[in-house]
Every structure is written in C-alpha cells, then in structure tokens.
C-alpha cells in the first residue's frame, strides 16, 4: 500500500523531531512528510541534515494546527487517498500505520480512525489526548474512554476493541482525503485545539462514521507545543468549544446550550481564581468575549443536525454530572 502519507506538522519542535521522528521512520510503511509552520529553531537544519529522505514542506509562517495542516494537505491533494495526521511528539510501533489504513480501506463508511493513544511520561497509562476514543456530551464537553477530565486510567487492555466514536484525536488520526476536503478542512478560526472534534462532527453529519482501533498503538508526550497549564490553551479550549457548538448545532438548540454553558463556564472561571489560577479565570471570560466577535466569521457553511444524531450511540446528557455528582471517574463506570 502506498496510497497514504504520514503528515507531521512542526513548529519549533526540533527536540521532539530528534527524539521521535526516528521511530516514525523506522516503523512506518507509508511516506513521511513534515510540514514546517515557519519554525525559528533548528528544525529545518535537523530535517535537511539528518532526514534528507523525508519530504519537507516549508510553509513560511506559523498558521497554527488548523492553517498549517490545511495548507500542507492542499499541496498534497490528489496524490494520496488517505492522510495520517501525526503530532511530532509521538512514538510508534511496527505496522501501526498499516493497521489504520487497512481499517479505512475495509470499512468504506468510516472516514477517520485513531489508534490507542498511550502516554510517554506516564508509562502504562492512557494519554490525555484521545486515549481510547473520544465522545461528546449534550453540552459539548469532550471525554474519552481512558480519560474523563483529569482522571486518566491505566491501560489494562480494557479498550483493545474497535468501536465507533464521536471524534478521533488530532495527535494521531488517519483520515480519508475525500472526507477531509468535503468537510472544508479544519476551521482556521480555531488555530489549535478542538479542531479535530469539529471536523469529525461535520464529517459524521455528512453520513460517515468515525472509529477507534485498539490493535494499533502509539505513545504521546503531550504538551509538546503548548502545555496544558498555559492560560492560552485554556482560552483556546473554551473559545473553540463554543465555536464548534455554534457551527454544528441548530440555532435553537445552541441557544439553549449556551445559556447553560455561560453559567458553567463562569463557575469554572471562579474555580480557577479560587485555586490561584487568575490568568486561567480571565482566559475563560475572554473566550466568551472572543467567541461573540468570531461566531459569524466562518467561511465553511454549517451542516445542521436537528436530531443530534451525529453524537452517536454513547451520547450522554452531562459528563459533568456523571463525574462530579455521581463520582463516575472512568468510562467503565458510566
């Protein structure tokens, strides 16, 4: 099979490339392509000197995760049937990529699939980003098998199956090129964070399915570009979650959800401040302000889903209620 490409987006990640790109080269079947988002470190020097056989796309500026991938994949459009989007801080094993592409080839209704994503720093545990497959509740809060909010499970082979999910992780996602472009690519308003959930939602509303494949495994460092404790990341997560809901829900249902989210997000901001994370509290409030400035700027027409059918079989009313009130800390307890 040579109809797929592994596309790694890099921005000032020279150390990540140095540490993890060798495993990708060694254990991957498909062509490896690095798209550089205008790095100012020694990334280009490393790639040209140590990995001359890898195709390098130099984008010239930092367009974020969304803009960087949109530009890189547009340059590759028409050459590959499938893309595997892979973070630069991911370690892989033999045949990880073949398993993902074979699954998409054998399941025509599936547009995207992610592997089991485990943690590099927390050996034996799932990774925060994607874990054992991602879901959304009725208020737009994402959670995973293997990770609900900050409660992360140990990998005991409990999620070695194959299931349909609501979204696949941007840390490692194989996607059909046709579906990616039909969905309009990533929404560049997002810049980074939650863009993969948004595009998976759009793809499901087009009639495709999204899957998790437990027989393929990768290991992710996480926070390689932006640490989870950074207020900028807090801002992006809250703002982009609202943009995603506004883009994908009907106006009536979004209005209902937003009224609830205003209360819950205000509570989240108060919790941040109470814990001494004042900048994170401000980031939550700024996210709502920025959302209202940006909500009518999408260049991609929304595909509304009046019945919320795209949220899938594991749809839950409130993961917040399950987690904080019912004290259900793992997916298996739900």
Protein backbone atom coordinates (compact mmCIF):
# COMPACT_ATOMS: atom_id res chain seq x y z
CA UNK A 1 0.00 0.00 0.00
CA UNK A 2 1.40 3.39 -1.00
CA UNK A 3 -1.82 5.41 -1.15
CA UNK A 4 -1.31 7.15 2.18
CA UNK A 5 1.05 9.72 3.64
CA UNK A 6 2.05 10.40 7.24
CA UNK A 7 1.98 14.17 7.67
CA UNK A 8 3.67 15.69 10.72
CA UNK A 9 3.11 19.38 11.43
CA UNK A 10 6.06 21.00 13.17
CA UNK A 11 6.59 24.34 14.85
CA UNK A 12 9.84 24.88 16.77
CA UNK A 13 9.84 21.22 17.72
CA UNK A 14 13.43 20.32 16.95
CA UNK A 15 13.86 18.26 20.13
CA UNK A 16 10.63 16.37 19.52
CA UNK A 17 11.69 15.62 15.96
CA UNK A 18 15.11 14.50 17.14
CA UNK A 19 13.61 12.16 19.75
CA UNK A 20 10.57 10.74 17.95
CA UNK A 21 10.99 11.04 14.20
CA UNK A 22 13.48 8.10 14.08
CA UNK A 23 10.80 5.70 15.38
CA UNK A 24 8.29 7.01 12.84
CA UNK A 25 10.79 6.48 10.02
CA UNK A 26 11.81 3.05 11.26
CA UNK A 27 8.37 1.56 11.93
CA UNK A 28 6.20 3.19 9.27
CA UNK A 29 5.26 1.82 5.86
CA UNK A 30 3.99 5.00 4.25
CA UNK A 31 5.81 8.11 3.09
CA UNK A 32 6.66 10.52 5.92
CA UNK A 33 6.15 14.22 5.23
CA UNK A 34 6.99 17.05 7.62
CA UNK A 35 5.19 20.37 7.14
CA UNK A 36 7.03 23.13 8.96
CA UNK A 37 4.98 26.05 10.27
CA UNK A 38 7.70 28.68 9.99
CA UNK A 39 9.96 27.37 12.74
CA UNK A 40 12.66 29.68 14.06
CA UNK A 41 14.66 26.97 15.85
CA UNK A 42 16.94 24.37 14.20
CA UNK A 43 14.09 22.19 12.91
CA UNK A 44 14.86 22.76 9.22
CA UNK A 45 18.58 22.18 9.76
CA UNK A 46 17.86 18.90 11.55
CA UNK A 47 15.46 17.69 8.89
CA UNK A 48 17.72 18.52 5.95
CA UNK A 49 20.87 17.12 7.57
CA UNK A 50 19.62 14.05 9.47
CA UNK A 51 16.48 13.15 7.49
CA UNK A 52 17.18 14.13 3.86
CA UNK A 53 14.91 11.34 2.56
CA UNK A 54 11.84 12.84 4.28
CA UNK A 55 9.75 15.20 2.18
CA UNK A 56 9.78 18.67 3.72
CA UNK A 57 7.08 21.29 3.14
CA UNK A 58 8.08 24.77 4.35
CA UNK A 59 5.03 26.93 4.99
CA UNK A 60 6.96 30.05 5.95
CA UNK A 61 4.73 31.24 8.81
CA UNK A 62 3.00 29.80 11.85
CA UNK A 63 -0.55 29.15 10.67
CA UNK A 64 -1.42 27.07 13.73
CA UNK A 65 -2.55 23.46 13.68
CA UNK A 66 -5.57 24.25 11.54
CA UNK A 67 -3.98 26.54 8.96
CA UNK A 68 -0.77 24.56 8.79
CA UNK A 69 -2.50 21.29 8.03
CA UNK A 70 -4.96 22.91 5.61
CA UNK A 71 -2.10 24.35 3.56
CA UNK A 72 0.03 21.22 3.68
CA UNK A 73 -2.80 18.86 2.75
CA UNK A 74 -3.93 21.17 -0.06
CA UNK A 75 -0.43 20.87 -1.53
CA UNK A 76 -0.79 17.08 -1.33
CA UNK A 77 -4.34 16.99 -2.65
CA UNK A 78 -4.86 14.46 -5.41
CA UNK A 79 -1.72 12.47 -4.59
CA UNK A 80 -2.97 10.36 -1.67
CA UNK A 81 -6.26 8.69 -0.76
CA UNK A 82 -5.51 8.85 2.95
CA UNK A 83 -3.57 11.07 5.34
CA UNK A 84 -2.29 10.11 8.77
CA UNK A 85 -2.01 13.29 10.84
CA UNK A 86 0.63 12.73 13.49
CA UNK A 87 1.99 15.01 16.21
CA UNK A 88 5.76 15.43 16.32
CA UNK A 89 5.91 14.08 19.92
CA UNK A 90 4.55 10.61 19.15
CA UNK A 91 6.38 7.28 19.29
CA UNK A 92 5.04 4.44 17.17
CA UNK A 93 5.38 0.68 16.80
CA UNK A 94 5.68 -1.67 13.82
CA UNK A 95 2.68 -1.65 11.44
CA UNK A 96 0.79 1.00 13.40
CA UNK A 97 0.07 2.88 10.17
CA UNK A 98 -0.80 -0.14 8.05
CA UNK A 99 -3.46 -1.19 10.56
CA UNK A 100 -5.13 2.22 10.44
CA UNK A 101 -5.19 2.46 6.64
CA UNK A 102 -6.29 -1.15 6.20
CA UNK A 103 -9.23 -0.44 8.51
CA UNK A 104 -10.32 2.54 6.39
CA UNK A 105 -9.93 0.53 3.20
CA UNK A 106 -12.08 -2.28 4.58
CA UNK A 107 -14.72 0.00 6.11
CA UNK A 108 -15.90 2.35 3.40
CA UNK A 109 -18.39 4.13 5.66
CA UNK A 110 -15.63 5.17 8.06
CA UNK A 111 -13.89 8.45 7.26
CA UNK A 112 -11.39 8.60 10.13
CA UNK A 113 -9.85 6.32 12.72
CA UNK A 114 -7.48 6.77 15.65
CA UNK A 115 -5.28 4.20 17.42
CA UNK A 116 -4.98 3.58 21.13
CA UNK A 117 -3.02 6.57 22.41
CA UNK A 118 -0.87 5.96 25.47
CA UNK A 119 1.28 8.34 27.50
CA UNK A 120 5.04 8.61 27.18
CA UNK A 121 5.69 10.34 30.55
CA UNK A 122 3.10 8.24 32.46
CA UNK A 123 4.12 4.78 31.36
CA UNK A 124 1.29 2.26 31.32
CA UNK A 125 -1.44 4.91 31.31
CA UNK A 126 -3.59 6.39 28.60
CA UNK A 127 -2.73 9.75 27.11
CA UNK A 128 -4.88 12.81 27.77
CA UNK A 129 -5.42 13.49 24.04
CA UNK A 130 -7.72 10.85 22.62
CA UNK A 131 -6.89 7.87 24.86
CA UNK A 132 -9.30 5.06 23.88
CA UNK A 133 -11.61 7.07 21.64
CA UNK A 134 -13.47 10.36 22.06
CA UNK A 135 -17.08 11.31 22.80
CA UNK A 136 -19.18 14.44 23.38
CA UNK A 137 -22.00 15.00 25.86
CA UNK A 138 -25.12 17.08 25.21
CA UNK A 139 -23.40 20.31 26.35
CA UNK A 140 -20.38 19.81 24.11
CA UNK A 141 -17.91 18.60 26.74
CA UNK A 142 -15.43 16.09 25.28
CA UNK A 143 -14.29 13.00 27.14
CA UNK A 144 -12.58 9.73 26.27
CA UNK A 145 -12.51 6.11 27.14
CA UNK A 146 -9.48 6.07 29.40
CA UNK A 147 -9.69 9.78 30.30
CA UNK A 148 -12.52 11.83 31.76
CA UNK A 149 -11.38 15.37 32.54
CA UNK A 150 -8.15 14.85 34.55
CA UNK A 151 -8.89 11.27 35.64
CA UNK A 152 -6.67 9.06 33.48
CA UNK A 153 -6.94 5.27 33.51
CA UNK A 154 -4.20 2.69 33.46
CA UNK A 155 -4.10 0.62 30.29
CA UNK A 156 -5.17 -2.89 31.27
CA UNK A 157 -6.20 -3.90 27.74
CA UNK A 158 -9.78 -2.86 28.56
CA UNK A 159 -10.02 -0.84 25.35
CA UNK A 160 -8.36 -3.17 22.86
CA UNK A 161 -11.54 -3.30 20.78
CA UNK A 162 -12.81 -1.48 17.72
CA UNK A 163 -15.74 0.88 18.20
CA UNK A 164 -17.49 3.84 16.62
CA UNK A 165 -16.69 7.11 18.39
CA UNK A 166 -17.70 10.77 18.13
CA UNK A 167 -14.22 12.07 17.37
CA UNK A 168 -10.68 10.93 16.67
CA UNK A 169 -7.66 12.63 18.23
CA UNK A 170 -5.57 15.09 16.27
CA UNK A 171 -2.49 13.64 17.97
CA UNK A 172 -2.84 10.66 15.63
CA UNK A 173 -5.68 10.38 13.15
CA UNK A 174 -5.96 8.57 9.82
CA UNK A 175 -8.50 10.30 7.59
CA UNK A 176 -9.79 9.85 4.07
CA UNK A 177 -8.65 12.77 1.95
CA UNK A 178 -12.03 12.97 0.21
CA UNK A 179 -13.86 13.40 3.52
CA UNK A 180 -11.34 15.97 4.78
CA UNK A 181 -11.87 18.24 1.79
CA UNK A 182 -15.64 17.68 1.60
CA UNK A 183 -15.83 18.94 5.18
CA UNK A 184 -13.90 22.05 4.18
CA UNK A 185 -10.74 21.08 6.04
CA UNK A 186 -10.06 22.39 9.54
CA UNK A 187 -11.83 25.55 10.64
CA UNK A 188 -8.95 28.04 10.72
CA UNK A 189 -10.71 30.25 13.26
CA UNK A 190 -9.73 27.62 15.84
CA UNK A 191 -5.95 28.00 15.25
CA UNK A 192 -5.38 24.99 17.53
CA UNK A 193 -7.36 22.73 19.90
CA UNK A 194 -10.73 21.02 19.33
CA UNK A 195 -10.44 21.42 15.56
CA UNK A 196 -10.37 17.63 15.18
CA UNK A 197 -13.62 17.29 17.16
CA UNK A 198 -15.23 19.92 14.96
CA UNK A 199 -14.23 18.29 11.68
CA UNK A 200 -15.25 14.83 12.91
CA UNK A 201 -18.67 16.23 13.82
CA UNK A 202 -19.03 17.73 10.35
CA UNK A 203 -17.92 14.50 8.72
CA UNK A 204 -20.45 12.47 10.70
CA UNK A 205 -23.22 14.83 9.60
CA UNK A 206 -22.21 14.03 6.03
CA UNK A 207 -23.07 10.38 6.68
CA UNK A 208 -19.63 8.94 7.50
CA UNK A 209 -18.58 7.27 10.74
CA UNK A 210 -15.52 7.80 12.97
CA UNK A 211 -13.76 4.88 14.66
CA UNK A 212 -11.23 3.83 17.28
CA UNK A 213 -8.91 0.89 16.53
CA UNK A 214 -7.39 -0.63 19.66
CA UNK A 215 -4.99 -3.01 17.88
CA UNK A 216 -2.90 -0.05 16.71
CA UNK A 217 -0.92 1.74 19.44
CA UNK A 218 1.12 4.93 19.70
CA UNK A 219 2.67 6.82 22.62
CA UNK A 220 2.24 10.59 23.01
CA UNK A 221 4.21 13.08 25.12
CA UNK A 222 1.52 15.77 25.09
CA UNK A 223 2.00 19.49 25.57
CA UNK A 224 4.96 19.47 23.21
CA UNK A 225 3.98 22.84 21.74
CA UNK A 226 1.66 24.24 24.42
CA UNK A 227 1.47 22.96 27.99
CA UNK A 228 -1.97 22.13 29.39
CA UNK A 229 -1.43 24.59 32.26
CA UNK A 230 -0.92 27.53 29.88
CA UNK A 231 -3.76 30.12 30.06
CA UNK A 232 -3.58 30.49 26.27
CA UNK A 233 -4.53 26.83 25.97
CA UNK A 234 -7.40 27.38 28.43
CA UNK A 235 -8.60 30.26 26.26
CA UNK A 236 -8.41 28.22 23.05
CA UNK A 237 -10.24 25.25 24.55
CA UNK A 238 -13.14 27.31 25.89
CA UNK A 239 -13.44 29.60 22.86
CA UNK A 240 -13.13 26.82 20.31
CA UNK A 241 -15.64 24.64 22.12
CA UNK A 242 -18.20 27.43 21.77
CA UNK A 243 -17.31 27.96 18.09
CA UNK A 244 -17.73 24.23 17.49
CA UNK A 245 -21.16 24.13 19.13
CA UNK A 246 -22.32 27.23 17.27
CA UNK A 247 -21.12 25.76 13.98
CA UNK A 248 -22.73 22.35 14.37
CA UNK A 249 -25.94 22.77 16.40
CA UNK A 250 -29.19 24.30 15.24
CA UNK A 251 -29.68 27.90 16.35
CA UNK A 252 -32.45 26.92 18.76
CA UNK A 253 -30.53 24.11 20.43
CA UNK A 254 -27.32 26.14 20.56
CA UNK A 255 -29.14 28.98 22.35
CA UNK A 256 -30.36 26.52 24.98
CA UNK A 257 -26.89 25.00 25.42
CA UNK A 258 -25.16 28.37 25.50
CA UNK A 259 -27.31 29.67 28.35
CA UNK A 260 -26.26 26.67 30.41
CA UNK A 261 -22.63 26.99 29.36
CA UNK A 262 -22.48 30.64 30.44
CA UNK A 263 -23.32 29.53 33.99
CA UNK A 264 -20.98 26.53 33.96
CA UNK A 265 -18.10 28.43 32.40
CA UNK A 266 -18.50 31.27 34.89
CA UNK A 267 -18.32 28.66 37.64
CA UNK A 268 -15.18 27.22 36.03
CA UNK A 269 -13.61 30.68 35.96
CA UNK A 270 -14.39 31.12 39.68
CA UNK A 271 -12.81 27.75 40.45
CA UNK A 272 -9.64 28.75 38.57
CA UNK A 273 -9.43 32.01 40.54
CA UNK A 274 -10.11 30.25 43.85
CA UNK A 275 -7.18 27.93 43.13
CA UNK A 276 -4.93 30.89 42.41
CA UNK A 277 -5.02 30.50 38.62
CA UNK A 278 -6.22 34.03 37.95
CA UNK A 279 -4.98 34.11 34.35
CA UNK A 280 -6.94 30.93 33.56
CA UNK A 281 -10.05 32.51 35.04
CA UNK A 282 -9.59 35.55 32.83
CA UNK A 283 -8.98 33.26 29.85
CA UNK A 284 -12.42 31.66 30.29
CA UNK A 285 -14.15 35.06 30.31
CA UNK A 286 -12.08 36.29 27.35
CA UNK A 287 -13.03 33.13 25.46
CA UNK A 288 -16.71 34.13 25.60
CA UNK A 289 -15.93 37.68 24.51
CA UNK A 290 -13.85 36.48 21.56
CA UNK A 291 -16.48 33.88 20.63
CA UNK A 292 -19.08 36.60 20.14
CA UNK A 293 -16.66 38.53 17.93
CA UNK A 294 -15.91 35.48 15.78
CA UNK A 295 -19.12 33.48 15.66
CA UNK A 296 -20.29 34.83 12.29
CA UNK A 297 -16.92 34.65 10.51
CA UNK A 298 -16.85 31.02 9.36
CA UNK A 299 -16.04 30.53 5.68
CA UNK A 300 -17.48 26.98 5.77
CA UNK A 301 -21.29 26.63 5.66
CA UNK A 302 -22.63 24.75 8.68
CA UNK A 303 -24.36 21.41 8.22
CA UNK A 304 -27.06 21.42 10.87
CA UNK A 305 -28.19 18.26 12.59
CA UNK A 306 -31.58 18.91 14.22
CA UNK A 307 -31.75 15.48 15.88
CA UNK A 308 -28.17 15.43 17.22
CA UNK A 309 -27.86 12.04 15.53
CA UNK A 310 -24.18 12.64 14.82
CA UNK A 311 -23.34 12.47 18.52
CA UNK A 312 -23.54 8.68 18.36
CA UNK A 313 -24.67 5.72 20.40
CA UNK A 314 -22.75 6.65 23.57
CA UNK A 315 -24.37 10.08 23.86
CA UNK A 316 -24.63 11.31 27.45
CA UNK A 317 -26.63 14.22 28.81
CA UNK A 318 -23.92 15.56 31.10
CA UNK A 319 -20.46 14.18 31.73
CA UNK A 320 -20.10 16.90 34.37
CA UNK A 321 -23.00 15.39 36.33
CA UNK A 322 -21.57 11.90 35.95
CA UNK A 323 -18.09 12.95 37.02
CA UNK A 324 -18.67 15.47 39.81
CA UNK A 325 -22.05 14.43 41.25
CA UNK A 326 -22.29 10.70 40.56
CA UNK A 327 -18.49 10.39 41.10
CA UNK A 328 -18.01 8.27 37.99
CA UNK A 329 -14.33 8.73 37.25
CA UNK A 330 -13.83 6.16 34.48
CA UNK A 331 -15.63 5.36 31.27
CA UNK A 332 -16.37 1.84 32.52
CA UNK A 333 -18.27 3.29 35.48
CA UNK A 334 -20.64 5.34 33.34
